[in-house]
Amino acid sequence: MRVPLEATIGEEGIFDALIAARETFGDKEILEDQDRKPLTYTGLIRAAFVLGRKIAAMTALEERVGILLPSSMGVVVTFYGLHAHGRVPVMINFTAGERNIKAALAAAGVKKVLTARRFIQQAKLEELIADIETAAEIVWLDDVRATIGLQDKLYGLAAGMMPRRFRVKTDPSGPGVVLFTSGSFGAPKGVVLSQSNLVANCRQVAQHINLKPEWVMFNPLPTFHCFGLTGGVLLPLLQGMKAFQYPSPLHAKQIVELIPQVKASILFATDTFLNQYARVAGPDDFDSLQFVVAGAERVRDETHHLFNTRFHGLKLLEGYGATEAAPVVAVNHPDRNRPGSVGQILPGMEWRLDEVPGIAEGGRLYLRGPNVMEGYLSPEDPRKIEPLENGWHDTGDIVAIDDEGYIEILGRVKRFAKIGGEMVSLTAVEGLASAVWPDARHAVVSIPDSRKGEKLVLVTDRKDADVASMTEWAREHGAPELAVPKKILRVDDVPVLGTGKTDYVAIQQMAELDKAA
């Protein structure tokens, strides 16, 4: 099924879209971070040309260049600097660990990684950098900036006035960024999004929700995560909104203090982080916010409850996306917010549901549209892309979609267990645990069982969690007994990835190690 567009979304290049935004919205302040030295559109364009030319002198046209930086003005300038000179940014997840990072560099064919000493020192990543140096050359942007002289500044002035004459003309259908999937359920995959994929997704969101140029977007998410890159950087810049970048989503107290100071209008984050922010915020701290958008993981009932009771009138909009779709697929609307759903599919997208044997409700979601990637990086050859069959991306998610286009996520194909011949959604079991202990964090995995095929294991930070309480709740509310885990692992913290998503790979290992013990 196709969701119609109000107007055709054509192919646009990343840098040309930024230039067009300046022409549309005027030369206003558009980018800021915790250093509180904002840049205008022209300031950003000039800085991108100057830094980009320096990087271009040490790289080749169309070369893939690694970026290892936190959310900041620096990462945005570097990203656009590469595009101004026809290079391709590869966003490196610095929380992924040495093995995954080296695999990502090899998969993308990265020879140089751009980073900054201040960040590496503050984040205590010196050991990681030493490991990465065995796979790629580290380029310190501090040193690059120190070489900027008068001639470079004059070049930047001229380029800022006539950016289309100075920028390298690239094909909008060519690579816009290389990102890696989160690795929540296995090894991260390399995703090549075209320039037009990224721009199209921004246009789709803007058609779905009316975004006002006077608003400020507060982005605490890392730009190695597509939600942080598209939602937190590209979308606001292309729609005339100031994009405020904060380097770590973990700093709940500092973020809550900054939101009213910068007069933030929209906050993007995951459920994990929003729950933390809501707990430390006072009743007035979120007064400037028009709405909050949650994505990348299911929003718990407790998080909805926190926002509904502490911040009256502030809407928490749940959305759904995939790195492969640049990433926004669906999102609730401020005037059409349906809790329990992840909103309506964005305009311009096609979708289909394929039947899954053993699962009665919903189907496996496939997507196609202007925001959907061409394909994954080939594991054998960094220059090759494994194309999607007829342009359809298999999300691996089991969903139900109603007549109005609202999506309900029922679980991932990998997140179902077969117990005694019945298919049981692990996501639904997590929901059961959250209903019994709403103030705790839970994750459910399955392990082999000689008697029933598979056995459910609940990993929780609730210290007094017990099977009897879950069994009683299930009996009282008509939930099947199969959905009650017979094994509970109590932990201090349920593992999460740097993006805030639950780390099911680590949790699976915990459950299997416990079984072996």
Protein backbone atom coordinates (compact mmCIF):
# COMPACT_ATOMS: atom_id res chain seq x y z
CA MET A 1 0.00 0.00 0.00
CA ARG A 2 1.25 3.52 -0.77
CA VAL A 3 0.79 6.54 1.51
CA PRO A 4 0.31 9.60 -0.74
CA LEU A 5 2.52 12.68 -0.73
CA GLU A 6 1.05 16.17 -0.76
CA ALA A 7 3.83 17.16 -3.16
CA THR A 8 6.47 15.16 -4.97
CA ILE A 9 9.72 14.76 -3.05
CA GLY A 10 12.47 15.17 -5.62
CA GLU A 11 16.09 14.18 -5.28
CA GLU A 12 18.12 16.79 -3.38
CA GLY A 13 21.77 16.82 -2.36
CA ILE A 14 22.76 17.33 1.28
CA PHE A 15 24.73 20.53 0.78
CA ASP A 16 22.36 22.06 -1.77
CA ALA A 17 19.47 21.48 0.65
CA LEU A 18 21.37 23.46 3.31
CA ILE A 19 21.99 26.32 0.85
CA ALA A 20 18.28 26.28 -0.11
CA ALA A 21 17.30 26.46 3.58
CA ARG A 22 19.36 29.66 4.00
CA GLU A 23 17.57 31.13 0.97
CA THR A 24 14.18 30.14 2.39
CA PHE A 25 14.60 31.10 6.05
CA GLY A 26 17.21 33.90 5.88
CA ASP A 27 20.61 34.03 7.53
CA LYS A 28 19.50 33.24 11.07
CA GLU A 29 21.19 31.49 14.01
CA ILE A 30 20.80 27.82 13.24
CA LEU A 31 23.32 25.78 15.25
CA GLU A 32 24.50 25.81 18.86
CA ASP A 33 26.05 23.53 21.46
CA GLN A 34 27.03 23.68 25.12
CA ASP A 35 29.84 26.16 24.37
CA ARG A 36 27.02 28.64 23.58
CA LYS A 37 28.66 30.22 20.50
CA PRO A 38 25.91 29.86 17.90
CA LEU A 39 26.45 29.77 14.13
CA THR A 40 24.20 31.26 11.46
CA TYR A 41 23.54 29.46 8.17
CA THR A 42 26.35 31.48 6.59
CA GLY A 43 28.66 30.76 9.52
CA LEU A 44 28.01 27.04 9.17
CA ILE A 45 28.50 27.10 5.38
CA ARG A 46 31.78 29.06 5.66
CA ALA A 47 33.12 26.82 8.44
CA ALA A 48 32.21 23.72 6.43
CA PHE A 49 34.03 25.00 3.33
CA VAL A 50 37.17 25.99 5.25
CA LEU A 51 37.47 22.78 7.30
CA GLY A 52 36.32 20.65 4.37
CA ARG A 53 39.04 22.01 2.08
CA LYS A 54 41.69 21.10 4.66
CA ILE A 55 40.34 17.55 4.86
CA ALA A 56 40.02 17.38 1.06
CA ALA A 57 43.78 18.07 0.78
CA MET A 58 44.50 14.77 2.55
CA THR A 59 41.71 12.62 1.04
CA ALA A 60 40.42 11.66 -2.41
CA LEU A 61 37.16 12.60 -4.13
CA GLU A 62 34.34 10.26 -2.99
CA GLU A 63 36.58 8.78 -0.27
CA ARG A 64 34.77 7.50 2.80
CA VAL A 65 36.06 9.36 5.85
CA GLY A 66 35.35 8.30 9.44
CA ILE A 67 33.93 10.79 11.96
CA LEU A 68 34.34 9.95 15.65
CA LEU A 69 32.82 12.89 17.50
CA PRO A 70 29.97 13.57 19.95
CA SER A 71 26.88 15.64 19.14
CA SER A 72 28.28 19.17 18.83
CA MET A 73 28.71 22.00 16.37
CA GLY A 74 32.03 20.37 15.45
CA VAL A 75 30.44 17.16 14.18
CA VAL A 76 27.91 19.12 12.09
CA VAL A 77 30.61 21.34 10.54
CA THR A 78 32.73 18.25 9.79
CA PHE A 79 29.79 16.38 8.24
CA TYR A 80 28.91 19.28 5.94
CA GLY A 81 32.60 19.99 5.28
CA LEU A 82 33.02 16.52 3.79
CA HIS A 83 29.92 17.00 1.64
CA ALA A 84 31.05 20.42 0.40
CA HIS A 85 34.10 18.74 -1.10
CA GLY A 86 32.58 15.49 -2.36
CA ARG A 87 33.65 13.14 0.45
CA VAL A 88 31.39 10.62 2.22
CA PRO A 89 31.00 10.71 6.03
CA VAL A 90 31.14 7.41 7.90
CA MET A 91 29.75 7.91 11.40
CA ILE A 92 31.67 5.84 13.97
CA ASN A 93 29.89 4.54 17.08
CA PHE A 94 32.52 5.20 19.76
CA THR A 95 30.50 3.15 22.30
CA ALA A 96 30.59 -0.02 20.15
CA GLY A 97 33.96 -1.30 21.38
CA GLU A 98 37.24 -1.94 19.56
CA ARG A 99 36.15 -5.08 17.72
CA ASN A 100 32.95 -3.61 16.24
CA ILE A 101 34.64 -0.31 15.34
CA LYS A 102 37.49 -2.03 13.51
CA ALA A 103 34.97 -4.22 11.68
CA ALA A 104 33.02 -1.08 10.69
CA LEU A 105 36.15 0.68 9.39
CA ALA A 106 37.09 -2.36 7.30
CA ALA A 107 33.53 -2.84 6.01
CA ALA A 108 33.29 0.80 4.88
CA GLY A 109 36.85 1.00 3.53
CA VAL A 110 37.80 3.87 5.88
CA LYS A 111 41.45 4.92 5.86
CA LYS A 112 41.20 8.10 7.99
CA VAL A 113 39.19 8.87 11.12
CA LEU A 114 38.53 12.47 12.17
CA THR A 115 38.31 13.18 15.88
CA ALA A 116 39.28 15.79 18.50
CA ARG A 117 41.62 15.61 21.51
CA ARG A 118 39.22 17.45 23.83
CA PHE A 119 36.54 14.85 23.24
CA ILE A 120 38.89 11.87 23.53
CA GLN A 121 40.31 13.19 26.81
CA GLN A 122 36.91 14.05 28.33
CA ALA A 123 35.43 10.70 27.30
CA LYS A 124 38.60 8.83 28.37
CA LEU A 125 38.89 7.07 25.02
CA GLU A 126 42.70 7.19 24.68
CA GLU A 127 42.97 3.40 24.79
CA LEU A 128 40.29 3.01 22.12
CA ILE A 129 42.07 5.50 19.84
CA ALA A 130 45.33 3.57 20.25
CA ASP A 131 43.48 0.42 19.15
CA ILE A 132 41.81 2.15 16.18
CA GLU A 133 45.18 3.51 15.02
CA THR A 134 46.16 -0.04 14.07
CA ALA A 135 43.34 -0.03 11.49
CA ALA A 136 43.14 3.60 10.26
CA GLU A 137 44.99 6.91 10.48
CA ILE A 138 43.73 9.26 13.20
CA VAL A 139 43.40 12.87 12.04
CA TRP A 140 43.18 15.36 14.91
CA LEU A 141 40.82 18.19 13.95
CA ASP A 142 42.49 20.37 16.62
CA ASP A 143 45.70 20.22 14.56
CA VAL A 144 43.84 20.80 11.30
CA ARG A 145 42.11 23.90 12.67
CA ALA A 146 45.45 25.28 13.92
CA THR A 147 46.64 25.45 10.29
CA ILE A 148 43.74 27.69 9.17
CA GLY A 149 45.18 31.01 8.03
CA LEU A 150 44.10 34.24 6.34
CA GLN A 151 43.94 32.67 2.88
CA ASP A 152 41.59 29.97 4.18
CA LYS A 153 39.36 32.56 5.83
CA LEU A 154 39.16 34.59 2.62
CA TYR A 155 38.24 31.40 0.77
CA GLY A 156 35.50 30.79 3.35
CA LEU A 157 34.13 34.32 2.91
CA ALA A 158 33.88 33.90 -0.85
CA ALA A 159 32.42 30.40 -0.59
CA GLY A 160 29.85 31.62 1.93
CA MET A 161 28.61 34.21 -0.57
CA MET A 162 28.52 31.87 -3.59
CA PRO A 163 28.33 28.33 -2.16
CA ARG A 164 26.98 26.68 -5.32
CA ARG A 165 30.02 27.86 -7.28
CA PHE A 166 32.46 26.50 -4.70
CA ARG A 167 30.91 23.20 -3.63
CA VAL A 168 31.76 20.00 -5.46
CA LYS A 169 28.70 18.98 -7.47
CA THR A 170 27.62 15.47 -6.49
CA ASP A 171 24.82 13.14 -7.51
CA PRO A 172 21.94 13.29 -4.98
CA SER A 173 21.49 9.55 -5.47
CA GLY A 174 25.13 9.02 -4.43
CA PRO A 175 26.19 8.15 -0.85
CA GLY A 176 25.18 10.67 1.80
CA VAL A 177 26.40 8.79 4.86
CA VAL A 178 27.48 5.33 5.96
CA LEU A 179 25.95 4.29 9.28
CA PHE A 180 25.88 1.03 11.17
CA THR A 181 22.79 -0.59 12.64
CA SER A 182 22.58 -0.56 16.42
CA GLY A 183 23.57 -4.18 16.96
CA SER A 184 20.71 -4.69 19.45
CA PHE A 185 20.18 -8.24 18.20
CA GLY A 186 23.51 -9.12 16.54
CA ALA A 187 26.50 -7.76 14.63
CA PRO A 188 25.99 -4.21 13.25
CA LYS A 189 25.42 -3.95 9.46
CA GLY A 190 26.76 -1.16 7.25
CA VAL A 191 23.94 0.95 5.80
CA VAL A 192 24.56 3.28 2.86
CA LEU A 193 21.99 6.08 2.77
CA SER A 194 21.99 8.33 -0.27
CA GLN A 195 21.94 12.10 0.04
CA SER A 196 18.38 12.12 -1.27
CA ASN A 197 17.35 9.40 1.24
CA LEU A 198 18.32 11.73 4.10
CA VAL A 199 16.79 14.88 2.62
CA ALA A 200 13.61 13.04 1.60
CA ASN A 201 13.10 11.76 5.16
CA CYS A 202 13.36 15.33 6.48
CA ARG A 203 10.77 16.46 3.91
CA GLN A 204 8.46 13.57 4.83
CA VAL A 205 8.55 14.42 8.55
CA ALA A 206 7.93 18.12 7.75
CA GLN A 207 4.89 17.19 5.65
CA HIS A 208 3.57 15.00 8.46
CA ILE A 209 4.06 17.55 11.28
CA ASN A 210 4.04 21.32 10.82
CA LEU A 211 7.44 22.43 12.18
CA LYS A 212 7.83 26.14 12.85
CA PRO A 213 11.14 27.90 11.98
CA GLU A 214 11.15 29.75 15.31
CA TRP A 215 11.36 26.46 17.23
CA VAL A 216 14.55 25.02 18.74
CA MET A 217 15.37 21.31 18.45
CA PHE A 218 17.30 19.89 21.42
CA ASN A 219 19.39 16.88 20.37
CA PRO A 220 21.19 14.83 23.05
CA LEU A 221 21.47 11.75 20.83
CA PRO A 222 24.75 10.78 19.12
CA THR A 223 25.03 11.42 15.38
CA PHE A 224 26.34 7.89 14.81
CA HIS A 225 22.69 6.98 15.48
CA CYS A 226 20.44 7.82 12.53
CA PHE A 227 17.75 9.21 14.86
CA GLY A 228 20.31 11.72 16.19
CA LEU A 229 21.69 12.58 12.74
CA THR A 230 18.47 13.01 10.75
CA GLY A 231 16.10 14.03 13.54
CA GLY A 232 18.52 16.04 15.65
CA VAL A 233 20.66 17.72 12.96
CA LEU A 234 19.41 17.57 9.37
CA LEU A 235 15.68 18.00 10.01
CA PRO A 236 15.96 21.22 12.06
CA LEU A 237 18.62 22.75 9.78
CA LEU A 238 16.58 22.10 6.63
CA GLN A 239 13.37 23.38 8.24
CA GLY A 240 14.79 26.63 9.62
CA MET A 241 14.89 25.54 13.27
CA LYS A 242 17.91 26.02 15.50
CA ALA A 243 19.58 22.67 16.24
CA PHE A 244 21.04 22.57 19.77
CA GLN A 245 23.57 19.74 20.12
CA TYR A 246 24.43 18.16 23.47
CA PRO A 247 27.33 15.65 23.68
CA SER A 248 25.84 12.90 25.86
CA PRO A 249 22.28 11.70 26.54
CA LEU A 250 23.46 10.35 29.92
CA HIS A 251 23.71 13.79 31.58
CA ALA A 252 20.09 13.97 32.76
CA LYS A 253 20.54 16.82 35.26
CA GLN A 254 22.52 19.05 32.87
CA ILE A 255 20.08 18.42 30.01
CA VAL A 256 17.05 19.25 32.15
CA GLU A 257 18.74 22.51 33.25
CA LEU A 258 19.64 23.46 29.65
CA ILE A 259 16.21 22.85 28.07
CA PRO A 260 14.58 26.01 29.52
CA GLN A 261 17.81 28.03 29.11
CA VAL A 262 17.93 27.45 25.34
CA LYS A 263 14.13 27.66 25.05
CA ALA A 264 13.98 24.21 23.46
CA SER A 265 10.75 23.45 21.60
CA ILE A 266 11.27 19.79 20.67
CA LEU A 267 13.26 17.10 22.48
CA PHE A 268 14.30 13.91 20.67
CA ALA A 269 15.40 10.92 22.75
CA THR A 270 14.82 7.25 23.54
CA ASP A 271 12.55 5.90 26.27
CA THR A 272 15.55 5.05 28.48
CA PHE A 273 16.78 8.65 28.53
CA LEU A 274 13.36 10.35 28.60
CA ASN A 275 12.45 8.33 31.68
CA GLN A 276 15.60 9.62 33.41
CA TYR A 277 14.95 13.23 32.37
CA ALA A 278 11.35 13.10 33.62
CA ARG A 279 12.51 11.81 37.01
CA VAL A 280 14.93 14.69 37.66
CA ALA A 281 12.86 17.49 36.08
CA GLY A 282 10.72 19.90 38.03
CA PRO A 283 7.13 20.65 36.93
CA ASP A 284 8.21 23.82 35.04
CA ASP A 285 11.47 22.58 33.48
CA PHE A 286 9.75 21.45 30.27
CA ASP A 287 7.47 24.48 29.85
CA SER A 288 9.21 25.61 26.64
CA LEU A 289 8.69 22.24 24.93
CA GLN A 290 5.94 21.93 22.31
CA PHE A 291 6.22 18.14 22.34
CA VAL A 292 8.70 15.31 22.96
CA VAL A 293 9.49 12.59 20.41
CA ALA A 294 10.54 9.11 21.54
CA GLY A 295 11.99 6.56 19.15
CA ALA A 296 14.45 3.67 18.75
CA GLU A 297 12.75 1.54 21.44
CA ARG A 298 9.28 0.94 22.87
CA VAL A 299 8.03 3.60 25.28
CA ARG A 300 7.10 2.03 28.60
CA ASP A 301 3.75 2.77 30.24
CA GLU A 302 5.68 4.18 33.20
CA THR A 303 7.34 6.81 30.97
CA HIS A 304 3.97 7.84 29.53
CA HIS A 305 2.63 8.05 33.08
CA LEU A 306 5.56 10.22 34.23
CA PHE A 307 4.98 12.72 31.42
CA ASN A 308 1.19 12.72 31.86
CA THR A 309 1.34 13.38 35.61
CA ARG A 310 4.37 15.64 35.96
CA PHE A 311 4.13 17.85 32.88
CA HIS A 312 0.47 18.55 32.21
CA GLY A 313 -0.32 19.17 28.57
CA LEU A 314 3.11 18.07 27.26
CA LYS A 315 2.65 15.42 24.59
CA LEU A 316 5.01 12.47 24.36
CA LEU A 317 4.87 11.28 20.75
CA GLU A 318 6.10 7.76 20.08
CA GLY A 319 7.64 7.06 16.68
CA TYR A 320 9.19 4.19 14.81
CA GLY A 321 12.15 4.02 12.50
CA ALA A 322 15.00 2.01 11.07
CA THR A 323 18.51 3.06 10.09
CA GLU A 324 17.72 1.59 6.66
CA ALA A 325 14.85 4.11 6.27
CA ALA A 326 16.94 7.17 7.15
CA PRO A 327 15.34 6.50 9.82
CA VAL A 328 11.78 7.80 10.41
CA VAL A 329 9.02 5.46 9.20
CA ALA A 330 6.10 6.56 11.37
CA VAL A 331 5.43 8.99 14.21
CA ASN A 332 2.44 10.18 16.16
CA HIS A 333 1.16 13.71 15.51
CA PRO A 334 0.60 16.34 18.25
CA ASP A 335 -3.09 16.47 17.24
CA ARG A 336 -3.39 12.76 16.42
CA ASN A 337 -1.49 11.07 19.21
CA ARG A 338 -2.52 7.47 19.81
CA PRO A 339 -0.60 5.98 22.76
CA GLY A 340 0.15 2.31 22.21
CA SER A 341 0.85 2.97 18.55
CA VAL A 342 3.95 4.46 16.91
CA GLY A 343 1.84 6.76 14.76
CA GLN A 344 1.01 6.84 11.09
CA ILE A 345 3.35 5.87 8.25
CA LEU A 346 4.99 8.92 6.67
CA PRO A 347 3.83 10.23 3.30
CA GLY A 348 5.53 8.81 0.22
CA MET A 349 6.15 5.35 1.66
CA GLU A 350 4.87 1.99 0.44
CA TRP A 351 4.36 -0.90 2.82
CA ARG A 352 3.24 -4.49 2.83
CA LEU A 353 2.70 -7.11 5.53
CA ASP A 354 3.76 -10.70 4.86
CA GLU A 355 2.25 -13.55 6.85
CA VAL A 356 4.46 -15.20 9.47
CA PRO A 357 3.72 -18.88 10.20
CA GLY A 358 2.63 -19.40 13.79
CA ILE A 359 1.88 -15.71 14.43
CA ALA A 360 -1.83 -14.98 14.05
CA GLU A 361 -1.92 -11.21 14.44
CA GLY A 362 -0.19 -8.72 12.11
CA GLY A 363 2.58 -9.53 9.66
CA ARG A 364 6.21 -8.94 8.76
CA LEU A 365 6.65 -5.32 7.64
CA TYR A 366 8.36 -4.49 4.34
CA LEU A 367 9.01 -0.87 3.30
CA ARG A 368 9.82 0.99 0.10
CA GLY A 369 10.12 4.73 -0.51
CA PRO A 370 12.38 7.74 -1.21
CA ASN A 371 13.95 7.41 2.26
CA VAL A 372 14.75 3.69 2.04
CA MET A 373 18.39 2.76 1.45
CA GLU A 374 19.73 1.17 -1.71
CA GLY A 375 21.26 -1.67 0.30
CA TYR A 376 23.78 -2.90 2.86
CA LEU A 377 27.55 -2.79 2.47
CA SER A 378 28.86 -6.06 1.09
CA PRO A 379 30.95 -7.90 3.72
CA GLU A 380 33.34 -8.97 0.94
CA ASP A 381 33.92 -5.60 -0.78
CA PRO A 382 33.60 -2.10 0.79
CA ARG A 383 32.76 -0.59 -2.61
CA LYS A 384 29.88 -2.97 -3.26
CA ILE A 385 26.32 -2.57 -2.04
CA GLU A 386 23.99 -5.54 -1.73
CA PRO A 387 20.82 -4.15 -3.35
CA LEU A 388 17.34 -4.66 -1.92
CA GLU A 389 15.04 -6.94 -3.89
CA ASN A 390 12.78 -4.61 -5.92
CA GLY A 391 13.61 -1.85 -3.43
CA TRP A 392 11.79 -3.53 -0.52
CA HIS A 393 13.42 -3.44 2.93
CA ASP A 394 12.55 -6.29 5.29
CA THR A 395 12.31 -4.62 8.72
CA GLY A 396 12.11 -7.93 10.58
CA ASP A 397 9.33 -6.39 12.67
CA ILE A 398 5.91 -7.94 13.24
CA VAL A 399 3.34 -5.13 13.16
CA ALA A 400 -0.37 -4.49 12.81
CA ILE A 401 -1.57 -1.51 10.72
CA ASP A 402 -5.13 -0.19 10.96
CA ASP A 403 -7.27 1.54 8.30
CA GLU A 404 -5.90 4.98 9.27
CA GLY A 405 -2.28 3.87 8.88
CA TYR A 406 -1.45 3.66 12.60
CA ILE A 407 1.22 1.06 13.34
CA GLU A 408 1.32 -1.14 16.41
CA ILE A 409 4.63 -2.94 16.98
CA LEU A 410 3.99 -6.51 18.09
CA GLY A 411 7.64 -7.58 18.19
CA ARG A 412 10.56 -8.58 16.01
CA VAL A 413 10.65 -11.89 14.16
CA LYS A 414 13.74 -12.69 16.25
CA ARG A 415 11.84 -11.66 19.38
CA PHE A 416 9.39 -14.56 19.38
CA ALA A 417 9.94 -17.82 21.24
CA LYS A 418 8.32 -21.16 20.41
CA ILE A 419 7.19 -22.70 23.69
CA GLY A 420 5.26 -25.96 23.63
CA GLY A 421 4.40 -25.31 19.98
CA GLU A 422 3.03 -21.80 20.68
CA MET A 423 4.66 -18.56 19.43
CA VAL A 424 5.17 -16.13 22.33
CA SER A 425 6.17 -12.48 21.82
CA LEU A 426 9.13 -11.57 24.07
CA THR A 427 8.11 -7.91 23.73
CA ALA A 428 4.66 -8.76 25.12
CA VAL A 429 6.29 -10.61 28.03
CA GLU A 430 8.37 -7.51 28.78
CA GLY A 431 5.09 -5.59 28.83
CA LEU A 432 3.71 -8.06 31.35
CA ALA A 433 6.75 -7.54 33.61
CA SER A 434 6.38 -3.75 33.27
CA ALA A 435 2.72 -4.01 34.31
CA VAL A 436 3.70 -5.85 37.51
CA TRP A 437 6.74 -3.65 38.31
CA PRO A 438 6.29 -0.39 36.32
CA ASP A 439 9.16 1.47 38.00
CA ALA A 440 11.81 -1.06 36.97
CA ARG A 441 13.57 -1.93 33.71
CA HIS A 442 13.07 -5.37 32.20
CA ALA A 443 14.30 -7.44 29.26
CA VAL A 444 13.20 -10.91 28.22
CA VAL A 445 15.19 -13.43 26.15
CA SER A 446 14.72 -17.13 25.44
CA ILE A 447 17.12 -20.04 25.86
CA PRO A 448 16.83 -23.65 24.65
CA ASP A 449 14.74 -25.99 26.80
CA SER A 450 14.75 -29.77 26.34
CA ARG A 451 11.13 -30.13 27.48
CA LYS A 452 9.28 -27.26 25.75
CA GLY A 453 11.68 -26.15 23.03
CA GLU A 454 12.49 -22.75 24.55
CA LYS A 455 12.34 -21.15 27.99
CA LEU A 456 11.80 -17.48 28.86
CA VAL A 457 14.31 -15.64 31.04
CA LEU A 458 13.46 -12.26 32.59
CA VAL A 459 16.44 -9.98 33.30
CA THR A 460 15.39 -7.15 35.61
CA ASP A 461 16.76 -4.51 37.97
CA ARG A 462 13.82 -5.13 40.33
CA LYS A 463 15.45 -6.77 43.36
CA ASP A 464 12.34 -8.55 44.67
CA ALA A 465 11.02 -9.71 41.29
CA ASP A 466 9.58 -13.21 41.53
CA VAL A 467 7.72 -15.68 39.32
CA ALA A 468 4.75 -15.90 41.71
CA SER A 469 3.88 -12.17 41.33
CA MET A 470 3.94 -12.42 37.53
CA THR A 471 1.88 -15.63 37.57
CA GLU A 472 -0.75 -14.01 39.79
CA TRP A 473 -0.96 -10.90 37.58
CA ALA A 474 -1.25 -13.06 34.44
CA ARG A 475 -4.06 -15.13 35.99
CA GLU A 476 -6.00 -12.02 37.09
CA HIS A 477 -5.67 -10.32 33.70
CA GLY A 478 -6.21 -13.29 31.43
CA ALA A 479 -2.63 -13.50 30.15
CA PRO A 480 -1.50 -16.99 29.08
CA GLU A 481 0.65 -18.93 31.52
CA LEU A 482 3.17 -19.50 28.71
CA ALA A 483 3.97 -15.76 28.84
CA VAL A 484 5.29 -15.98 32.41
CA PRO A 485 9.10 -16.49 32.57
CA LYS A 486 10.07 -19.38 34.81
CA LYS A 487 13.57 -17.96 35.32
CA ILE A 488 14.42 -14.48 36.65
CA LEU A 489 17.90 -12.90 36.71
CA ARG A 490 18.14 -9.89 39.02
CA VAL A 491 20.86 -7.40 38.03
CA ASP A 492 22.02 -3.96 39.15
CA ASP A 493 21.55 -2.52 35.65
CA VAL A 494 19.92 -3.95 32.55
CA PRO A 495 22.55 -3.52 29.78
CA VAL A 496 21.90 -0.78 27.21
CA LEU A 497 23.78 0.37 24.11
CA GLY A 498 25.20 3.87 23.67
CA THR A 499 22.03 4.81 21.80
CA GLY A 500 19.86 3.91 24.80
CA LYS A 501 18.48 0.74 23.22
CA THR A 502 18.39 -2.46 25.25
CA ASP A 503 21.50 -4.54 24.52
CA TYR A 504 19.91 -7.92 23.81
CA VAL A 505 23.20 -9.45 22.68
CA ALA A 506 24.73 -8.88 26.14
CA ILE A 507 21.50 -9.98 27.87
CA GLN A 508 21.35 -13.19 25.83
CA GLN A 509 24.94 -13.94 26.84
CA MET A 510 24.05 -13.33 30.51
CA ALA A 511 21.12 -15.76 30.31
CA GLU A 512 23.18 -18.45 28.56
CA LEU A 513 26.08 -18.08 31.00
CA ASP A 514 23.68 -18.40 33.93
CA LYS A 515 22.21 -21.56 32.40
CA ALA A 516 25.69 -23.04 31.95
CA ALA A 517 26.72 -22.17 35.52
